[in-house]
Amino acid sequence: MTAAPKTRYARSGDVNIAYQTAGKGPIDLVYVPGWVSNIETAWEDPHVSRFLERLASFSRLILFDKRGTGLSDRVSTSELPTLEQRMDDVRVVMDAADSQPVPQKAV
């Protein structure tokens, strides 16, 4: 098991978005998680950890928990985020990680 990278937080409106960076490759790669995630416990699963390590082997991997999941702030079920808010969250994380436009992998 690989130790999880340091978790940081970026502010998107009134919500804190948890994110991490791993690797030192020549390109930035933003990994957009599926339905539910937890960026710290992901590193505890050997299969997920290996997948993330492989992505970080050729890039600077940027991963985050979507608002309402994992280590990011919770949101009310009556105020679920719009697609625009989700994209704002991606941009806020990229800005906080000092990233340029990058390829994105969504699952």
Protein backbone atom coordinates (compact mmCIF):
# COMPACT_ATOMS: atom_id res chain seq x y z
CA MET A 1 0.00 0.00 0.00
CA THR A 2 1.22 3.47 -0.90
CA ALA A 3 0.73 6.26 1.60
CA ALA A 4 -1.84 8.80 0.50
CA PRO A 5 -0.47 12.15 -0.67
CA LYS A 6 -1.23 15.18 1.49
CA THR A 7 -4.86 16.25 1.24
CA ARG A 8 -5.46 19.92 0.56
CA TYR A 9 -8.65 21.93 0.17
CA ALA A 10 -9.78 24.42 -2.46
CA ARG A 11 -12.72 26.75 -1.91
CA SER A 12 -15.50 26.59 -4.52
CA GLY A 13 -18.19 29.08 -3.59
CA ASP A 14 -19.10 28.14 -0.02
CA VAL A 15 -17.81 24.54 -0.28
CA ASN A 16 -14.35 23.10 0.42
CA ILE A 17 -13.20 20.57 -2.18
CA ALA A 18 -10.60 18.01 -1.02
CA TYR A 19 -7.82 17.28 -3.51
CA GLN A 20 -4.39 15.65 -3.77
CA THR A 21 -1.52 15.67 -6.23
CA ALA A 22 0.80 12.74 -6.88
CA GLY A 23 3.67 12.21 -9.30
CA LYS A 24 6.02 14.60 -11.04
CA GLY A 25 5.40 13.83 -14.70
CA PRO A 26 5.59 16.39 -17.52
CA ILE A 27 1.82 16.71 -17.90
CA ASP A 28 -1.01 17.25 -15.43
CA LEU A 29 -3.80 14.67 -15.45
CA VAL A 30 -7.04 15.43 -13.62
CA TYR A 31 -8.84 12.31 -12.44
CA VAL A 32 -12.56 13.00 -12.00
CA PRO A 33 -14.07 10.32 -9.74
CA GLY A 34 -17.28 8.42 -10.33
CA TRP A 35 -20.36 8.54 -8.14
CA VAL A 36 -18.66 8.33 -4.72
CA SER A 37 -15.03 8.68 -3.71
CA ASN A 38 -12.70 9.23 -0.78
CA ILE A 39 -9.23 10.24 -1.91
CA GLU A 40 -7.55 9.08 1.29
CA THR A 41 -9.13 5.64 1.55
CA ALA A 42 -8.61 5.06 -2.18
CA TRP A 43 -4.89 4.62 -1.44
CA GLU A 44 -5.73 1.81 1.03
CA ASP A 45 -7.24 -0.41 -1.69
CA PRO A 46 -4.36 -2.25 -3.44
CA HIS A 47 -6.10 -2.25 -6.84
CA VAL A 48 -7.05 1.43 -6.76
CA SER A 49 -3.68 2.40 -5.32
CA ARG A 50 -1.86 0.61 -8.13
CA PHE A 51 -4.08 2.31 -10.72
CA LEU A 52 -3.36 5.75 -9.21
CA GLU A 53 0.37 4.99 -8.96
CA ARG A 54 0.46 4.05 -12.63
CA LEU A 55 -1.28 7.29 -13.61
CA ALA A 56 1.17 9.23 -11.41
CA SER A 57 4.14 7.45 -13.02
CA PHE A 58 3.85 9.52 -16.22
CA SER A 59 1.99 12.61 -15.00
CA ARG A 60 1.29 14.89 -12.12
CA LEU A 61 -1.98 13.31 -11.07
CA ILE A 62 -4.62 15.61 -9.60
CA LEU A 63 -7.49 13.83 -7.88
CA PHE A 64 -10.33 15.17 -5.79
CA ASP A 65 -13.54 14.28 -4.00
CA LYS A 66 -16.60 15.82 -5.61
CA ARG A 67 -18.65 18.13 -3.42
CA GLY A 68 -20.81 16.07 -1.09
CA THR A 69 -18.51 13.02 -1.15
CA GLY A 70 -15.40 11.82 0.62
CA LEU A 71 -13.48 14.58 2.37
CA SER A 72 -15.19 17.45 0.54
CA ASP A 73 -17.92 19.41 2.28
CA ARG A 74 -21.39 17.91 2.39
CA VAL A 75 -24.24 19.41 0.41
CA SER A 76 -27.96 19.31 1.08
CA THR A 77 -29.94 16.80 -0.97
CA SER A 78 -32.22 19.70 -1.85
CA GLU A 79 -29.24 21.57 -3.34
CA LEU A 80 -27.42 18.93 -5.38
CA PRO A 81 -24.74 20.49 -7.58
CA THR A 82 -25.40 21.37 -11.19
CA LEU A 83 -23.06 20.38 -14.00
CA GLU A 84 -21.80 23.98 -14.04
CA GLN A 85 -20.99 23.83 -10.30
CA ARG A 86 -19.16 20.53 -10.79
CA MET A 87 -17.08 22.06 -13.58
CA ASP A 88 -16.38 25.10 -11.38
CA ASP A 89 -15.11 22.65 -8.74
CA VAL A 90 -12.73 21.09 -11.28
CA ARG A 91 -11.44 24.55 -12.26
CA VAL A 92 -10.99 25.57 -8.61
CA VAL A 93 -8.97 22.42 -7.90
CA MET A 94 -6.87 22.95 -11.03
CA ASP A 95 -6.19 26.56 -10.00
CA ALA A 96 -5.27 25.51 -6.44
CA ALA A 97 -2.91 22.87 -7.83
CA ASP A 98 -1.42 25.50 -10.19
CA SER A 99 -2.39 23.43 -13.22
CA GLN A 100 -2.76 24.39 -16.85
CA PRO A 101 -5.52 22.93 -19.08
CA VAL A 102 -5.07 19.17 -19.02
CA PRO A 103 -6.45 15.89 -20.35
CA GLN A 104 -9.22 14.65 -18.04
CA LYS A 105 -10.26 11.11 -17.17
CA ALA A 106 -13.82 10.74 -15.92
CA VAL A 107 -15.40 7.54 -14.69
